[in-house]
């Protein structure tokens, strides 16, 4: 269940955050929500999070930004994207 939250943040920070979220292909709300989830996982000392310590920080920041249902065939998606790009 989603609930509305009102935050007071500097206008310039909000503008930059909106631009960043748009570049990431997500809303500012989902960006903030995912950040809170990340903070809570780190606070709990989530064992799953500790397994990822060997991964680069930039990669860890991507957690939760992609959503899909069921199996995902990345090879098929890459092939499809290349066919669309190059008109094959």
C-alpha atoms as a PDB file:
ATOM      1  CA  UNK A   1       0.000   0.000   0.000  1.00  0.00           C
ATOM      2  CA  UNK A   2       1.416   3.375  -0.995  1.00  0.00           C
ATOM      3  CA  UNK A   3       1.071   6.387   1.296  1.00  0.00           C
ATOM      4  CA  UNK A   4       1.762  10.013   0.496  1.00  0.00           C
ATOM      5  CA  UNK A   5       4.801  11.592   2.186  1.00  0.00           C
ATOM      6  CA  UNK A   6       5.632  15.297   2.246  1.00  0.00           C
ATOM      7  CA  UNK A   7       9.305  16.248   2.438  1.00  0.00           C
ATOM      8  CA  UNK A   8      10.933  19.656   2.738  1.00  0.00           C
ATOM      9  CA  UNK A   9      14.045  19.799   0.549  1.00  0.00           C
ATOM     10  CA  UNK A  10      15.967  22.649  -1.086  1.00  0.00           C
ATOM     11  CA  UNK A  11      14.499  23.576  -4.466  1.00  0.00           C
ATOM     12  CA  UNK A  12      17.809  23.110  -6.303  1.00  0.00           C
ATOM     13  CA  UNK A  13      18.264  19.644  -4.843  1.00  0.00           C
ATOM     14  CA  UNK A  14      14.757  18.661  -5.941  1.00  0.00           C
ATOM     15  CA  UNK A  15      15.379  19.894  -9.491  1.00  0.00           C
ATOM     16  CA  UNK A  16      18.656  17.979  -9.734  1.00  0.00           C
ATOM     17  CA  UNK A  17      17.062  14.868  -8.229  1.00  0.00           C
ATOM     18  CA  UNK A  18      14.210  15.018 -10.772  1.00  0.00           C
ATOM     19  CA  UNK A  19      16.718  15.270 -13.621  1.00  0.00           C
ATOM     20  CA  UNK A  20      18.709  12.353 -12.228  1.00  0.00           C
ATOM     21  CA  UNK A  21      15.573  10.226 -11.789  1.00  0.00           C
ATOM     22  CA  UNK A  22      14.456  10.988 -15.346  1.00  0.00           C
ATOM     23  CA  UNK A  23      17.863   9.952 -16.701  1.00  0.00           C
ATOM     24  CA  UNK A  24      17.525   6.698 -14.744  1.00  0.00           C
ATOM     25  CA  UNK A  25      14.068   6.140 -16.220  1.00  0.00           C
ATOM     26  CA  UNK A  26      12.237   6.282 -12.928  1.00  0.00           C
ATOM     27  CA  UNK A  27      10.143   8.687 -10.922  1.00  0.00           C
ATOM     28  CA  UNK A  28      11.510  10.750  -8.076  1.00  0.00           C
ATOM     29  CA  UNK A  29       9.184   8.872  -5.724  1.00  0.00           C
ATOM     30  CA  UNK A  30      10.582   5.482  -6.752  1.00  0.00           C
ATOM     31  CA  UNK A  31      14.125   6.836  -6.475  1.00  0.00           C
ATOM     32  CA  UNK A  32      13.486   8.000  -2.898  1.00  0.00           C
ATOM     33  CA  UNK A  33      11.654   4.780  -2.008  1.00  0.00           C
ATOM     34  CA  UNK A  34      14.496   2.611  -3.332  1.00  0.00           C
ATOM     35  CA  UNK A  35      17.023   4.717  -1.426  1.00  0.00           C
ATOM     36  CA  UNK A  36      15.082   4.237   1.804  1.00  0.00           C
ATOM     37  CA  UNK A  37      14.886   0.492   1.156  1.00  0.00           C
ATOM     38  CA  UNK A  38      18.643   0.409   0.623  1.00  0.00           C
ATOM     39  CA  UNK A  39      19.259   2.287   3.875  1.00  0.00           C
ATOM     40  CA  UNK A  40      16.990  -0.081   5.778  1.00  0.00           C
ATOM     41  CA  UNK A  41      18.718  -3.158   4.334  1.00  0.00           C
ATOM     42  CA  UNK A  42      22.114  -1.794   5.332  1.00  0.00           C
ATOM     43  CA  UNK A  43      20.858  -0.983   8.837  1.00  0.00           C
ATOM     44  CA  UNK A  44      19.477  -4.507   9.323  1.00  0.00           C
ATOM     45  CA  UNK A  45      22.758  -5.983   8.183  1.00  0.00           C
ATOM     46  CA  UNK A  46      20.909  -7.983   5.547  1.00  0.00           C
ATOM     47  CA  UNK A  47      23.024 -11.081   4.725  1.00  0.00           C
ATOM     48  CA  UNK A  48      21.982 -10.822   1.064  1.00  0.00           C
ATOM     49  CA  UNK A  49      23.457  -7.311   0.990  1.00  0.00           C
ATOM     50  CA  UNK A  50      26.717  -8.561   2.500  1.00  0.00           C
ATOM     51  CA  UNK A  51      27.067 -11.105  -0.313  1.00  0.00           C
ATOM     52  CA  UNK A  52      27.203  -8.205  -2.758  1.00  0.00           C
ATOM     53  CA  UNK A  53      30.155  -6.444  -1.084  1.00  0.00           C
ATOM     54  CA  UNK A  54      32.486  -7.591  -3.852  1.00  0.00           C
ATOM     55  CA  UNK A  55      30.350  -5.803  -6.475  1.00  0.00           C
ATOM     56  CA  UNK A  56      31.192  -2.214  -7.458  1.00  0.00           C
ATOM     57  CA  UNK A  57      29.235   0.469  -5.606  1.00  0.00           C
ATOM     58  CA  UNK A  58      27.899   1.858  -8.909  1.00  0.00           C
ATOM     59  CA  UNK A  59      26.387  -1.553  -9.668  1.00  0.00           C
ATOM     60  CA  UNK A  60      24.836  -1.871  -6.217  1.00  0.00           C
ATOM     61  CA  UNK A  61      23.073   1.464  -6.699  1.00  0.00           C
ATOM     62  CA  UNK A  62      21.100  -0.047  -9.588  1.00  0.00           C
ATOM     63  CA  UNK A  63      19.264  -2.441  -7.280  1.00  0.00           C
ATOM     64  CA  UNK A  64      15.511  -2.143  -7.695  1.00  0.00           C
ATOM     65  CA  UNK A  65      15.521   0.135 -10.730  1.00  0.00           C
ATOM     66  CA  UNK A  66      14.447  -2.592 -13.191  1.00  0.00           C
ATOM     67  CA  UNK A  67      11.148  -4.372 -12.945  1.00  0.00           C
ATOM     68  CA  UNK A  68      10.049  -7.436 -14.884  1.00  0.00           C
ATOM     69  CA  UNK A  69       7.800 -10.410 -14.401  1.00  0.00           C
ATOM     70  CA  UNK A  70       8.790 -14.030 -14.947  1.00  0.00           C
ATOM     71  CA  UNK A  71      11.780 -15.228 -16.901  1.00  0.00           C
ATOM     72  CA  UNK A  72      13.894 -12.685 -18.758  1.00  0.00           C
ATOM     73  CA  UNK A  73      15.895 -13.794 -21.795  1.00  0.00           C
ATOM     74  CA  UNK A  74      18.537 -11.084 -22.067  1.00  0.00           C
ATOM     75  CA  UNK A  75      20.063 -12.583 -25.225  1.00  0.00           C
ATOM     76  CA  UNK A  76      16.706 -12.389 -27.005  1.00  0.00           C
ATOM     77  CA  UNK A  77      16.243  -8.791 -25.822  1.00  0.00           C
ATOM     78  CA  UNK A  78      19.703  -7.784 -27.051  1.00  0.00           C
ATOM     79  CA  UNK A  79      19.056  -9.435 -30.415  1.00  0.00           C
ATOM     80  CA  UNK A  80      15.701  -7.673 -30.693  1.00  0.00           C
ATOM     81  CA  UNK A  81      17.242  -4.283 -29.827  1.00  0.00           C
ATOM     82  CA  UNK A  82      20.043  -4.718 -32.365  1.00  0.00           C
ATOM     83  CA  UNK A  83      17.565  -5.761 -35.060  1.00  0.00           C
ATOM     84  CA  UNK A  84      15.479  -2.665 -34.377  1.00  0.00           C
ATOM     85  CA  UNK A  85      18.533  -0.408 -34.298  1.00  0.00           C
ATOM     86  CA  UNK A  86      20.099  -1.689 -37.502  1.00  0.00           C
ATOM     87  CA  UNK A  87      16.878  -2.594 -39.342  1.00  0.00           C
ATOM     88  CA  UNK A  88      17.601  -6.293 -39.677  1.00  0.00           C
END
